[in-house]
Amino acid sequence: MQALSDAGRTGSALRRALKARGIDPKQARLVLLFYGREQHRVSEIAWTLGVSVATASRWLDKAEHDGLIDKVYELVDRRGTAARLTRRGVHLRTQVERTLAGVSTRNDRPRGVCYGIRLARSWSL
């Protein structure tokens, strides 16, 4: 989960770095949830990523089509769907972690004139 919070902090810099390597940022978020061969239910994935269950299901369908995950169904009731990473998914997760490690988490603003509330206060003095 630490990787997920780091990814959220770096924001658009990470998205640019992922796209430069040809990695879909949505799939990157998805594979960061999995550790090893751990399984997650669709509702857990949706809640963790902050998306609807339908959106999580679509992301999982695309990831399954791309060979990143395997879906596991309950034998009695197919509505109970879980997912786990394949070897290809583990490889993508490793690439995403390397990309995340290379992106700076600093969010420094450029030096110069400050616009906004401080500038407005200096004019009124």
Protein backbone atom coordinates (compact mmCIF):
# COMPACT_ATOMS: atom_id res chain seq x y z
CA MET A 1 0.00 0.00 0.00
CA GLN A 2 2.97 2.34 0.46
CA ALA A 3 3.54 2.26 -3.30
CA LEU A 4 -0.04 3.41 -3.86
CA SER A 5 0.30 6.40 -1.55
CA ASP A 6 3.65 7.31 -3.17
CA ALA A 7 1.98 7.14 -6.58
CA GLY A 8 -0.76 9.51 -5.44
CA ARG A 9 1.79 12.03 -4.17
CA THR A 10 3.76 12.19 -7.39
CA GLY A 11 0.65 12.72 -9.54
CA SER A 12 1.14 13.92 -13.06
CA ALA A 13 4.92 13.45 -13.05
CA LEU A 14 4.37 9.73 -12.57
CA ARG A 15 1.71 9.61 -15.29
CA ARG A 16 4.11 11.26 -17.73
CA ALA A 17 6.91 8.85 -16.80
CA LEU A 18 4.59 5.83 -17.17
CA LYS A 19 3.32 7.00 -20.56
CA ALA A 20 6.91 7.58 -21.70
CA ARG A 21 7.58 3.89 -20.96
CA GLY A 22 4.38 2.80 -22.72
CA ILE A 23 2.54 1.83 -19.52
CA ASP A 24 -1.15 2.65 -19.06
CA PRO A 25 -1.52 4.58 -15.76
CA LYS A 26 -4.83 2.83 -15.00
CA GLN A 27 -3.23 -0.59 -15.32
CA ALA A 28 -0.31 0.64 -13.23
CA ARG A 29 -2.70 1.60 -10.41
CA LEU A 30 -4.36 -1.79 -10.70
CA VAL A 31 -1.21 -3.93 -10.55
CA LEU A 32 0.12 -1.95 -7.57
CA LEU A 33 -2.70 -3.45 -5.49
CA PHE A 34 -1.39 -6.98 -5.81
CA TYR A 35 1.52 -8.51 -3.94
CA GLY A 36 2.73 -11.85 -5.28
CA ARG A 37 -0.17 -14.18 -5.99
CA GLU A 38 -2.59 -12.52 -3.57
CA GLN A 39 -6.23 -12.46 -4.69
CA HIS A 40 -8.62 -9.52 -4.43
CA ARG A 41 -12.36 -9.34 -5.00
CA VAL A 42 -13.70 -6.80 -7.47
CA SER A 43 -15.48 -4.83 -4.74
CA GLU A 44 -12.22 -4.56 -2.73
CA ILE A 45 -10.37 -3.30 -5.79
CA ALA A 46 -13.09 -0.73 -6.50
CA TRP A 47 -13.08 0.53 -2.92
CA THR A 48 -9.28 0.77 -2.74
CA LEU A 49 -8.96 2.60 -6.06
CA GLY A 50 -11.91 4.88 -5.35
CA VAL A 51 -13.86 3.86 -8.45
CA SER A 52 -17.22 2.17 -8.99
CA VAL A 53 -17.51 -1.61 -9.10
CA ALA A 54 -18.44 -1.36 -12.79
CA THR A 55 -15.28 0.64 -13.53
CA ALA A 56 -13.11 -1.80 -11.60
CA SER A 57 -14.73 -4.66 -13.49
CA ARG A 58 -13.92 -2.98 -16.84
CA TRP A 59 -10.32 -2.39 -15.77
CA LEU A 60 -10.04 -6.05 -14.76
CA ASP A 61 -11.54 -7.19 -18.08
CA LYS A 62 -8.94 -5.15 -19.98
CA ALA A 63 -6.13 -6.40 -17.73
CA GLU A 64 -7.31 -9.99 -18.26
CA HIS A 65 -7.38 -9.41 -22.03
CA ASP A 66 -3.81 -8.07 -21.84
CA GLY A 67 -2.69 -11.10 -19.81
CA LEU A 68 -1.93 -9.19 -16.61
CA ILE A 69 -4.44 -10.93 -14.32
CA ASP A 70 -6.39 -14.16 -14.02
CA LYS A 71 -9.96 -14.08 -12.83
CA VAL A 72 -11.05 -16.68 -10.30
CA TYR A 73 -14.75 -17.49 -10.01
CA GLU A 74 -16.56 -19.20 -7.18
CA LEU A 75 -17.88 -22.57 -8.33
CA VAL A 76 -21.40 -22.16 -6.96
CA ASP A 77 -21.99 -18.48 -7.68
CA ARG A 78 -20.07 -16.80 -10.51
CA ARG A 79 -20.90 -13.36 -9.09
CA GLY A 80 -18.11 -13.86 -6.55
CA THR A 81 -15.18 -12.88 -8.78
CA ALA A 82 -11.62 -12.45 -7.59
CA ALA A 83 -8.45 -11.59 -9.48
CA ARG A 84 -4.75 -12.34 -9.12
CA LEU A 85 -1.66 -11.29 -11.04
CA THR A 86 -0.05 -13.42 -13.71
CA ARG A 87 3.70 -13.48 -14.29
CA ARG A 88 3.25 -10.79 -16.90
CA GLY A 89 1.36 -8.70 -14.32
CA VAL A 90 4.15 -9.18 -11.77
CA HIS A 91 6.64 -8.01 -14.42
CA LEU A 92 4.53 -4.90 -15.09
CA ARG A 93 4.28 -4.23 -11.35
CA THR A 94 8.09 -4.34 -11.12
CA GLN A 95 8.36 -1.86 -14.01
CA VAL A 96 5.85 0.47 -12.34
CA GLU A 97 7.74 0.30 -9.02
CA ARG A 98 11.01 1.15 -10.80
CA THR A 99 9.33 4.06 -12.55
CA LEU A 100 7.86 5.24 -9.26
CA ALA A 101 11.28 5.09 -7.61
CA GLY A 102 12.75 7.25 -10.37
CA VAL A 103 10.12 10.00 -10.13
CA SER A 104 10.83 12.80 -7.69
CA THR A 105 8.18 13.20 -4.97
CA ARG A 106 9.16 16.84 -4.43
CA ASN A 107 6.60 19.35 -5.56
CA ASP A 108 8.63 22.56 -5.53
CA ARG A 109 7.14 25.63 -7.13
CA PRO A 110 9.26 27.82 -9.36
CA ARG A 111 10.81 30.87 -7.72
CA GLY A 112 9.53 34.29 -8.66
CA VAL A 113 6.62 36.63 -8.06
CA CYS A 114 3.91 35.18 -5.87
CA TYR A 115 0.40 35.62 -7.18
CA GLY A 116 -2.70 35.33 -5.06
CA ILE A 117 -3.52 36.41 -1.56
CA ARG A 118 -0.02 37.56 -0.53
CA LEU A 119 0.36 39.77 -3.60
CA ALA A 120 -3.08 41.31 -3.00
CA ARG A 121 -2.13 42.13 0.60
CA SER A 122 1.09 43.88 -0.48
CA TRP A 123 -0.86 46.17 -2.82
CA SER A 124 -3.27 47.25 -0.11
CA LEU A 125 -0.51 48.40 2.25
